[in-house]
N, C-alpha and C. Protein backbone atom coordinates (compact mmCIF):
# COMPACT_ATOMS: atom_id res chain seq x y z
N MET A 1 3.97 14.68 2.71
CA MET A 1 4.24 13.54 1.83
C MET A 1 3.31 12.37 2.14
N ASP A 2 2.90 12.22 3.41
CA ASP A 2 2.00 11.13 3.75
C ASP A 2 0.66 11.27 3.05
N ILE A 3 0.19 12.48 2.84
CA ILE A 3 -1.09 12.68 2.16
C ILE A 3 -1.00 12.16 0.73
N ILE A 4 0.11 12.42 0.06
CA ILE A 4 0.29 11.93 -1.31
C ILE A 4 0.33 10.41 -1.32
N ARG A 5 1.01 9.81 -0.35
CA ARG A 5 1.08 8.35 -0.27
C ARG A 5 -0.30 7.75 -0.01
N ILE A 6 -1.09 8.38 0.83
CA ILE A 6 -2.42 7.86 1.12
C ILE A 6 -3.30 7.95 -0.11
N ILE A 7 -3.23 9.06 -0.84
CA ILE A 7 -4.02 9.19 -2.07
C ILE A 7 -3.59 8.14 -3.08
N LEU A 8 -2.29 7.94 -3.24
CA LEU A 8 -1.81 6.90 -4.15
C LEU A 8 -2.23 5.51 -3.68
N SER A 9 -2.29 5.31 -2.37
CA SER A 9 -2.70 4.01 -1.83
C SER A 9 -4.16 3.72 -2.12
N ILE A 10 -4.96 4.75 -2.18
CA ILE A 10 -6.37 4.54 -2.51
C ILE A 10 -6.52 4.24 -4.00
N LEU A 11 -5.75 4.91 -4.82
CA LEU A 11 -5.84 4.69 -6.27
C LEU A 11 -5.12 3.40 -6.69
N LEU A 12 -3.87 3.25 -6.26
CA LEU A 12 -3.05 2.08 -6.59
C LEU A 12 -2.29 1.65 -5.33
N PRO A 13 -2.85 0.73 -4.55
CA PRO A 13 -2.25 0.38 -3.27
C PRO A 13 -0.77 -0.01 -3.30
N PRO A 14 -0.31 -0.82 -4.26
CA PRO A 14 1.11 -1.18 -4.24
C PRO A 14 2.06 0.01 -4.43
N VAL A 15 1.63 1.04 -5.14
CA VAL A 15 2.48 2.21 -5.36
C VAL A 15 2.71 2.94 -4.03
N GLY A 16 1.66 3.09 -3.24
CA GLY A 16 1.80 3.74 -1.94
C GLY A 16 2.72 2.98 -1.02
N VAL A 17 2.60 1.65 -1.01
CA VAL A 17 3.48 0.82 -0.17
C VAL A 17 4.90 0.89 -0.68
N PHE A 18 5.09 0.86 -1.98
CA PHE A 18 6.43 0.94 -2.55
C PHE A 18 7.12 2.25 -2.15
N LEU A 19 6.39 3.35 -2.20
CA LEU A 19 6.98 4.63 -1.81
C LEU A 19 7.35 4.67 -0.34
N GLN A 20 6.65 3.89 0.47
CA GLN A 20 6.91 3.88 1.91
C GLN A 20 8.05 2.94 2.28
N VAL A 21 8.02 1.70 1.77
CA VAL A 21 8.98 0.69 2.24
C VAL A 21 9.88 0.12 1.14
N GLY A 22 9.63 0.44 -0.11
CA GLY A 22 10.46 -0.10 -1.18
C GLY A 22 10.00 -1.50 -1.57
N LEU A 23 10.92 -2.27 -2.14
CA LEU A 23 10.58 -3.62 -2.63
C LEU A 23 10.78 -4.68 -1.55
N GLY A 24 10.23 -4.45 -0.39
CA GLY A 24 10.35 -5.39 0.71
C GLY A 24 9.19 -6.37 0.75
N LEU A 25 9.13 -7.11 1.83
CA LEU A 25 8.09 -8.11 2.02
C LEU A 25 6.70 -7.48 2.03
N GLN A 26 6.56 -6.32 2.66
CA GLN A 26 5.25 -5.66 2.73
C GLN A 26 4.73 -5.29 1.35
N PHE A 27 5.62 -4.93 0.44
CA PHE A 27 5.22 -4.62 -0.94
C PHE A 27 4.61 -5.84 -1.61
N TRP A 28 5.26 -6.99 -1.47
CA TRP A 28 4.76 -8.20 -2.12
C TRP A 28 3.48 -8.69 -1.47
N ILE A 29 3.37 -8.54 -0.16
CA ILE A 29 2.12 -8.88 0.51
C ILE A 29 0.99 -8.01 -0.03
N ASN A 30 1.27 -6.74 -0.23
CA ASN A 30 0.25 -5.83 -0.75
C ASN A 30 -0.14 -6.19 -2.18
N ILE A 31 0.80 -6.61 -2.99
CA ILE A 31 0.48 -7.06 -4.36
C ILE A 31 -0.51 -8.22 -4.30
N VAL A 32 -0.23 -9.20 -3.45
CA VAL A 32 -1.11 -10.37 -3.33
C VAL A 32 -2.49 -9.95 -2.82
N LEU A 33 -2.53 -9.11 -1.80
CA LEU A 33 -3.82 -8.66 -1.26
C LEU A 33 -4.61 -7.87 -2.30
N THR A 34 -3.94 -7.06 -3.07
CA THR A 34 -4.63 -6.28 -4.11
C THR A 34 -5.16 -7.20 -5.20
N LEU A 35 -4.43 -8.24 -5.54
CA LEU A 35 -4.92 -9.19 -6.54
C LEU A 35 -6.11 -10.00 -6.03
N LEU A 36 -6.12 -10.28 -4.72
CA LEU A 36 -7.24 -11.02 -4.14
C LEU A 36 -8.48 -10.15 -3.98
N GLY A 37 -8.27 -8.88 -3.82
CA GLY A 37 -9.38 -7.96 -3.67
C GLY A 37 -8.85 -6.56 -3.47
N TYR A 38 -9.49 -5.62 -4.09
CA TYR A 38 -9.00 -4.24 -4.06
C TYR A 38 -9.02 -3.66 -2.64
N ILE A 39 -10.09 -3.88 -1.91
CA ILE A 39 -10.24 -3.30 -0.57
C ILE A 39 -9.18 -3.81 0.40
N PRO A 40 -8.87 -5.11 0.46
CA PRO A 40 -7.79 -5.54 1.36
C PRO A 40 -6.44 -4.89 1.03
N GLY A 41 -6.18 -4.67 -0.24
CA GLY A 41 -4.95 -3.99 -0.64
C GLY A 41 -4.91 -2.56 -0.17
N VAL A 42 -6.03 -1.86 -0.26
CA VAL A 42 -6.10 -0.47 0.20
C VAL A 42 -5.94 -0.39 1.71
N VAL A 43 -6.62 -1.27 2.43
CA VAL A 43 -6.52 -1.26 3.90
C VAL A 43 -5.10 -1.55 4.34
N HIS A 44 -4.47 -2.52 3.73
CA HIS A 44 -3.09 -2.86 4.08
C HIS A 44 -2.15 -1.70 3.77
N ALA A 45 -2.33 -1.07 2.63
CA ALA A 45 -1.46 0.05 2.24
C ALA A 45 -1.59 1.21 3.21
N ILE A 46 -2.82 1.56 3.57
CA ILE A 46 -3.01 2.67 4.52
C ILE A 46 -2.46 2.30 5.88
N TRP A 47 -2.60 1.05 6.28
CA TRP A 47 -2.05 0.59 7.56
C TRP A 47 -0.52 0.71 7.57
N ILE A 48 0.12 0.32 6.48
CA ILE A 48 1.58 0.42 6.38
C ILE A 48 2.03 1.88 6.45
N ILE A 49 1.35 2.77 5.76
CA ILE A 49 1.72 4.17 5.76
C ILE A 49 1.50 4.80 7.14
N ALA A 50 0.40 4.45 7.79
CA ALA A 50 0.12 5.01 9.12
C ALA A 50 1.09 4.47 10.16
N ARG A 51 1.53 3.24 10.00
CA ARG A 51 2.44 2.62 10.97
C ARG A 51 3.85 3.21 10.90
N HIS A 52 4.29 3.57 9.73
CA HIS A 52 5.65 4.11 9.57
C HIS A 52 5.60 5.55 9.74
């Protein structure tokens, strides 16, 4: 399942974070990072998935 989350995180970072943690603080942080720049959103999403 982590492989699917990582692939989704590369394509749509907030979706990968949502599948991992739900609608928590990390999800909203990822939304902001993705809006500021695609790469920070991807890095944050992969970091969240690898940490959990």
